[in-house]
Amino acid sequence: MAERPVVNASPLIFLAHSRLLDLLQLLGDEVLVPAAVAAEVGRRGPQDPTAQAIESTDWLKVVDVGTIPPTIERWDLGPGESSVLAWCVSHSGTEAIIDDLAGRRCAAGRRCAEALGVPVRGTLGLLLIAKKRGHIPAARPILESMRRAGMYLSQAVLDRALRTVGE
């Protein structure tokens, strides 16, 4: 387990809207949310479940990342992804929670993380852990619901991942 996970907006949004935000605690007792990510989520409005969760969940800690290193800026990622990776680069032992292939920018974020040696996990990986540890009875219905809500995940990737947990 990483020292502390640092989460980007899309995993927060999908998990909060699915009422599964607590699964993030499988990765650590405290989950860090860069201020840029909190601001991005906050633009969704005060009635949004994710914005409310950031405000009211004591184990979600908003952190100021500071200056983004040039090695990350060159990847031209969004402020959230850049902040997550900047935190991980400057704090050894942390893990980036960035959704896999959620679009060109997030895919670039994943490649950037790998180039920098930052451990990365997405919502799919988290749900597979939850299934393996018995925290959810089945991952498929949750992932199908998240896909309907806008999470990009090809059928081939979904089926291959679910086979690893016997679904």
C-alpha atoms as a PDB file:
ATOM      1  CA  MET A   1       0.000   0.000   0.000  1.00  0.00           C
ATOM      2  CA  ALA A   2       1.249   3.487  -0.845  1.00  0.00           C
ATOM      3  CA  GLU A   3       1.930   5.972   1.929  1.00  0.00           C
ATOM      4  CA  ARG A   4      -1.115   8.015   0.893  1.00  0.00           C
ATOM      5  CA  PRO A   5      -3.109   8.082  -2.339  1.00  0.00           C
ATOM      6  CA  VAL A   6      -3.591  11.364  -4.217  1.00  0.00           C
ATOM      7  CA  VAL A   7      -6.798  11.450  -6.235  1.00  0.00           C
ATOM      8  CA  ASN A   8      -7.865  13.256  -9.388  1.00  0.00           C
ATOM      9  CA  ALA A   9     -11.381  14.529 -10.133  1.00  0.00           C
ATOM     10  CA  SER A  10     -12.834  11.738 -12.276  1.00  0.00           C
ATOM     11  CA  PRO A  11     -12.325   8.890  -9.766  1.00  0.00           C
ATOM     12  CA  LEU A  12     -13.793  11.129  -7.054  1.00  0.00           C
ATOM     13  CA  ILE A  13     -16.784  11.990  -9.232  1.00  0.00           C
ATOM     14  CA  PHE A  14     -17.567   8.438 -10.336  1.00  0.00           C
ATOM     15  CA  LEU A  15     -17.162   7.010  -6.835  1.00  0.00           C
ATOM     16  CA  ALA A  16     -19.161   9.769  -5.120  1.00  0.00           C
ATOM     17  CA  HIS A  17     -22.014   9.514  -7.602  1.00  0.00           C
ATOM     18  CA  SER A  18     -22.044   5.735  -7.134  1.00  0.00           C
ATOM     19  CA  ARG A  19     -22.015   6.156  -3.344  1.00  0.00           C
ATOM     20  CA  LEU A  20     -18.743   4.218  -3.193  1.00  0.00           C
ATOM     21  CA  LEU A  21     -16.344   6.962  -2.165  1.00  0.00           C
ATOM     22  CA  ASP A  22     -15.371   4.972   0.949  1.00  0.00           C
ATOM     23  CA  LEU A  23     -13.623   2.431  -1.299  1.00  0.00           C
ATOM     24  CA  LEU A  24     -10.792   4.957  -1.640  1.00  0.00           C
ATOM     25  CA  GLN A  25      -9.911   4.116   1.960  1.00  0.00           C
ATOM     26  CA  LEU A  26      -8.821   0.678   0.755  1.00  0.00           C
ATOM     27  CA  LEU A  27      -5.748   2.548  -0.516  1.00  0.00           C
ATOM     28  CA  GLY A  28      -5.103   4.568   2.627  1.00  0.00           C
ATOM     29  CA  ASP A  29      -6.761   5.981   5.729  1.00  0.00           C
ATOM     30  CA  GLU A  30      -6.268   9.489   4.393  1.00  0.00           C
ATOM     31  CA  VAL A  31      -6.773  10.417   0.731  1.00  0.00           C
ATOM     32  CA  LEU A  32      -5.242  13.632  -0.573  1.00  0.00           C
ATOM     33  CA  VAL A  33      -7.083  15.944  -2.951  1.00  0.00           C
ATOM     34  CA  PRO A  34      -4.951  18.644  -4.590  1.00  0.00           C
ATOM     35  CA  ALA A  35      -6.500  22.121  -4.348  1.00  0.00           C
ATOM     36  CA  ALA A  36      -6.734  22.255  -8.173  1.00  0.00           C
ATOM     37  CA  VAL A  37      -8.826  19.061  -8.116  1.00  0.00           C
ATOM     38  CA  ALA A  38     -11.054  20.425  -5.335  1.00  0.00           C
ATOM     39  CA  ALA A  39     -11.552  23.627  -7.368  1.00  0.00           C
ATOM     40  CA  GLU A  40     -12.450  21.619 -10.481  1.00  0.00           C
ATOM     41  CA  VAL A  41     -15.002  19.598  -8.540  1.00  0.00           C
ATOM     42  CA  GLY A  42     -16.276  22.749  -6.807  1.00  0.00           C
ATOM     43  CA  ARG A  43     -17.235  24.233 -10.185  1.00  0.00           C
ATOM     44  CA  ARG A  44     -19.894  21.511 -10.391  1.00  0.00           C
ATOM     45  CA  GLY A  45     -21.820  23.439  -7.735  1.00  0.00           C
ATOM     46  CA  PRO A  46     -22.510  23.083  -4.011  1.00  0.00           C
ATOM     47  CA  GLN A  47     -25.275  20.515  -4.573  1.00  0.00           C
ATOM     48  CA  ASP A  48     -22.950  18.097  -6.361  1.00  0.00           C
ATOM     49  CA  PRO A  49     -22.286  14.948  -4.288  1.00  0.00           C
ATOM     50  CA  THR A  50     -18.555  15.088  -5.009  1.00  0.00           C
ATOM     51  CA  ALA A  51     -18.239  18.732  -3.955  1.00  0.00           C
ATOM     52  CA  GLN A  52     -20.210  17.940  -0.804  1.00  0.00           C
ATOM     53  CA  ALA A  53     -17.979  14.934  -0.079  1.00  0.00           C
ATOM     54  CA  ILE A  54     -14.801  16.996  -0.324  1.00  0.00           C
ATOM     55  CA  GLU A  55     -16.266  19.504   2.119  1.00  0.00           C
ATOM     56  CA  SER A  56     -17.649  17.001   4.616  1.00  0.00           C
ATOM     57  CA  THR A  57     -15.430  13.901   4.535  1.00  0.00           C
ATOM     58  CA  ASP A  58     -12.699  14.155   7.157  1.00  0.00           C
ATOM     59  CA  TRP A  59     -10.398  11.613   5.507  1.00  0.00           C
ATOM     60  CA  LEU A  60     -10.356  13.561   2.212  1.00  0.00           C
ATOM     61  CA  LYS A  61      -7.613  16.152   2.776  1.00  0.00           C
ATOM     62  CA  VAL A  62      -7.275  19.088   0.393  1.00  0.00           C
ATOM     63  CA  VAL A  63      -3.596  19.938  -0.081  1.00  0.00           C
ATOM     64  CA  ASP A  64      -1.764  22.809  -1.728  1.00  0.00           C
ATOM     65  CA  VAL A  65       0.647  21.367  -4.251  1.00  0.00           C
ATOM     66  CA  GLY A  66       2.613  24.510  -5.027  1.00  0.00           C
ATOM     67  CA  THR A  67       4.491  24.965  -8.269  1.00  0.00           C
ATOM     68  CA  ILE A  68       4.170  22.316 -10.949  1.00  0.00           C
ATOM     69  CA  PRO A  69       7.645  21.102 -12.016  1.00  0.00           C
ATOM     70  CA  PRO A  70       8.613  21.777 -15.652  1.00  0.00           C
ATOM     71  CA  THR A  71       8.949  18.024 -16.270  1.00  0.00           C
ATOM     72  CA  ILE A  72       5.201  17.717 -15.653  1.00  0.00           C
ATOM     73  CA  GLU A  73       4.198  21.017 -17.308  1.00  0.00           C
ATOM     74  CA  ARG A  74       5.710  19.803 -20.590  1.00  0.00           C
ATOM     75  CA  TRP A  75       3.075  17.064 -20.761  1.00  0.00           C
ATOM     76  CA  ASP A  76       0.356  19.742 -21.121  1.00  0.00           C
ATOM     77  CA  LEU A  77      -2.023  17.985 -18.742  1.00  0.00           C
ATOM     78  CA  GLY A  78      -4.925  19.640 -16.991  1.00  0.00           C
ATOM     79  CA  PRO A  79      -4.413  21.352 -13.631  1.00  0.00           C
ATOM     80  CA  GLY A  80      -5.851  18.392 -11.706  1.00  0.00           C
ATOM     81  CA  GLU A  81      -3.698  15.698 -13.292  1.00  0.00           C
ATOM     82  CA  SER A  82      -0.632  17.946 -13.091  1.00  0.00           C
ATOM     83  CA  SER A  83      -1.244  18.608  -9.401  1.00  0.00           C
ATOM     84  CA  VAL A  84      -1.735  14.937  -8.571  1.00  0.00           C
ATOM     85  CA  LEU A  85       1.513  14.008 -10.299  1.00  0.00           C
ATOM     86  CA  ALA A  86       3.428  16.977  -8.858  1.00  0.00           C
ATOM     87  CA  TRP A  87       2.443  15.902  -5.343  1.00  0.00           C
ATOM     88  CA  CYS A  88       3.478  12.309  -5.995  1.00  0.00           C
ATOM     89  CA  VAL A  89       6.838  13.334  -7.457  1.00  0.00           C
ATOM     90  CA  SER A  90       7.640  15.493  -4.446  1.00  0.00           C
ATOM     91  CA  HIS A  91       6.308  13.014  -1.841  1.00  0.00           C
ATOM     92  CA  SER A  92       7.873   9.594  -2.175  1.00  0.00           C
ATOM     93  CA  GLY A  93       5.584   6.653  -1.492  1.00  0.00           C
ATOM     94  CA  THR A  94       2.373   8.247  -2.733  1.00  0.00           C
ATOM     95  CA  GLU A  95       0.154   6.773  -5.436  1.00  0.00           C
ATOM     96  CA  ALA A  96      -1.706   8.693  -8.150  1.00  0.00           C
ATOM     97  CA  ILE A  97      -5.374   7.827  -8.589  1.00  0.00           C
ATOM     98  CA  ILE A  98      -6.068   8.876 -12.170  1.00  0.00           C
ATOM     99  CA  ASP A  99      -8.603   7.184 -14.403  1.00  0.00           C
ATOM    100  CA  ASP A 100      -7.243   5.047 -17.183  1.00  0.00           C
ATOM    101  CA  LEU A 101      -7.985   6.152 -20.711  1.00  0.00           C
ATOM    102  CA  ALA A 102     -10.670   8.617 -19.622  1.00  0.00           C
ATOM    103  CA  GLY A 103      -9.656  10.701 -22.596  1.00  0.00           C
ATOM    104  CA  ARG A 104      -6.491  11.896 -24.268  1.00  0.00           C
ATOM    105  CA  ARG A 105      -5.479  14.126 -21.343  1.00  0.00           C
ATOM    106  CA  CYS A 106      -5.868  11.381 -18.715  1.00  0.00           C
ATOM    107  CA  ALA A 107      -4.091   8.834 -20.905  1.00  0.00           C
ATOM    108  CA  ALA A 108      -1.226  11.329 -21.188  1.00  0.00           C
ATOM    109  CA  GLY A 109      -1.345  11.739 -17.405  1.00  0.00           C
ATOM    110  CA  ARG A 110      -0.926   8.004 -17.014  1.00  0.00           C
ATOM    111  CA  ARG A 111       2.025   7.960 -19.427  1.00  0.00           C
ATOM    112  CA  CYS A 112       3.547  10.942 -17.608  1.00  0.00           C
ATOM    113  CA  ALA A 113       3.181   9.138 -14.271  1.00  0.00           C
ATOM    114  CA  GLU A 114       4.828   6.028 -15.658  1.00  0.00           C
ATOM    115  CA  ALA A 115       7.686   8.102 -17.125  1.00  0.00           C
ATOM    116  CA  LEU A 116       8.204   9.718 -13.714  1.00  0.00           C
ATOM    117  CA  GLY A 117       8.025   6.399 -11.843  1.00  0.00           C
ATOM    118  CA  VAL A 118       4.805   7.346 -10.026  1.00  0.00           C
ATOM    119  CA  PRO A 119       2.526   4.405  -9.146  1.00  0.00           C
ATOM    120  CA  VAL A 120      -0.897   4.843 -10.767  1.00  0.00           C
ATOM    121  CA  ARG A 121      -4.283   3.259 -10.245  1.00  0.00           C
ATOM    122  CA  GLY A 122      -7.680   4.113 -11.717  1.00  0.00           C
ATOM    123  CA  THR A 123     -11.282   3.588 -10.691  1.00  0.00           C
ATOM    124  CA  LEU A 124     -11.304   0.217 -12.460  1.00  0.00           C
ATOM    125  CA  GLY A 125      -8.286  -0.985 -10.473  1.00  0.00           C
ATOM    126  CA  LEU A 126      -9.829   0.217  -7.223  1.00  0.00           C
ATOM    127  CA  LEU A 127     -13.070  -1.664  -7.901  1.00  0.00           C
ATOM    128  CA  LEU A 128     -11.121  -4.828  -8.693  1.00  0.00           C
ATOM    129  CA  ILE A 129      -9.336  -4.518  -5.334  1.00  0.00           C
ATOM    130  CA  ALA A 130     -12.694  -3.992  -3.610  1.00  0.00           C
ATOM    131  CA  LYS A 131     -14.089  -7.124  -5.260  1.00  0.00           C
ATOM    132  CA  LYS A 132     -11.012  -9.229  -4.403  1.00  0.00           C
ATOM    133  CA  ARG A 133     -11.172  -8.123  -0.758  1.00  0.00           C
ATOM    134  CA  GLY A 134     -14.919  -8.749  -0.491  1.00  0.00           C
ATOM    135  CA  HIS A 135     -15.975  -5.116  -0.054  1.00  0.00           C
ATOM    136  CA  ILE A 136     -18.375  -5.354  -2.996  1.00  0.00           C
ATOM    137  CA  PRO A 137     -20.209  -8.493  -4.159  1.00  0.00           C
ATOM    138  CA  ALA A 138     -19.686  -7.783  -7.872  1.00  0.00           C
ATOM    139  CA  ALA A 139     -17.762  -5.211  -9.884  1.00  0.00           C
ATOM    140  CA  ARG A 140     -19.566  -5.565 -13.234  1.00  0.00           C
ATOM    141  CA  PRO A 141     -22.840  -3.817 -12.301  1.00  0.00           C
ATOM    142  CA  ILE A 142     -20.955  -0.917 -10.723  1.00  0.00           C
ATOM    143  CA  LEU A 143     -18.655  -0.520 -13.713  1.00  0.00           C
ATOM    144  CA  GLU A 144     -21.556  -0.767 -16.159  1.00  0.00           C
ATOM    145  CA  SER A 145     -23.351   1.968 -14.216  1.00  0.00           C
ATOM    146  CA  MET A 146     -20.241   4.142 -14.263  1.00  0.00           C
ATOM    147  CA  ARG A 147     -19.892   3.609 -18.000  1.00  0.00           C
ATOM    148  CA  ARG A 148     -23.485   4.769 -18.485  1.00  0.00           C
ATOM    149  CA  ALA A 149     -22.595   7.828 -16.397  1.00  0.00           C
ATOM    150  CA  GLY A 150     -19.730   8.712 -18.737  1.00  0.00           C
ATOM    151  CA  MET A 151     -16.694   6.717 -17.620  1.00  0.00           C
ATOM    152  CA  TYR A 152     -14.781   5.577 -20.690  1.00  0.00           C
ATOM    153  CA  LEU A 153     -13.999   1.893 -20.583  1.00  0.00           C
ATOM    154  CA  SER A 154     -14.027  -0.330 -23.657  1.00  0.00           C
ATOM    155  CA  GLN A 155     -15.930  -3.597 -23.501  1.00  0.00           C
ATOM    156  CA  ALA A 156     -12.718  -5.529 -24.133  1.00  0.00           C
ATOM    157  CA  VAL A 157     -10.897  -3.837 -21.216  1.00  0.00           C
ATOM    158  CA  LEU A 158     -13.921  -4.298 -18.966  1.00  0.00           C
ATOM    159  CA  ASP A 159     -14.296  -7.991 -19.796  1.00  0.00           C
ATOM    160  CA  ARG A 160     -10.553  -8.687 -19.445  1.00  0.00           C
ATOM    161  CA  ALA A 161     -10.420  -6.927 -16.051  1.00  0.00           C
ATOM    162  CA  LEU A 162     -13.505  -8.679 -14.737  1.00  0.00           C
ATOM    163  CA  ARG A 163     -12.109 -12.075 -15.686  1.00  0.00           C
ATOM    164  CA  THR A 164      -9.264 -11.414 -13.212  1.00  0.00           C
ATOM    165  CA  VAL A 165     -11.849 -11.355 -10.402  1.00  0.00           C
ATOM    166  CA  GLY A 166     -13.965 -14.249 -11.673  1.00  0.00           C
ATOM    167  CA  GLU A 167     -16.768 -12.256 -13.268  1.00  0.00           C
END
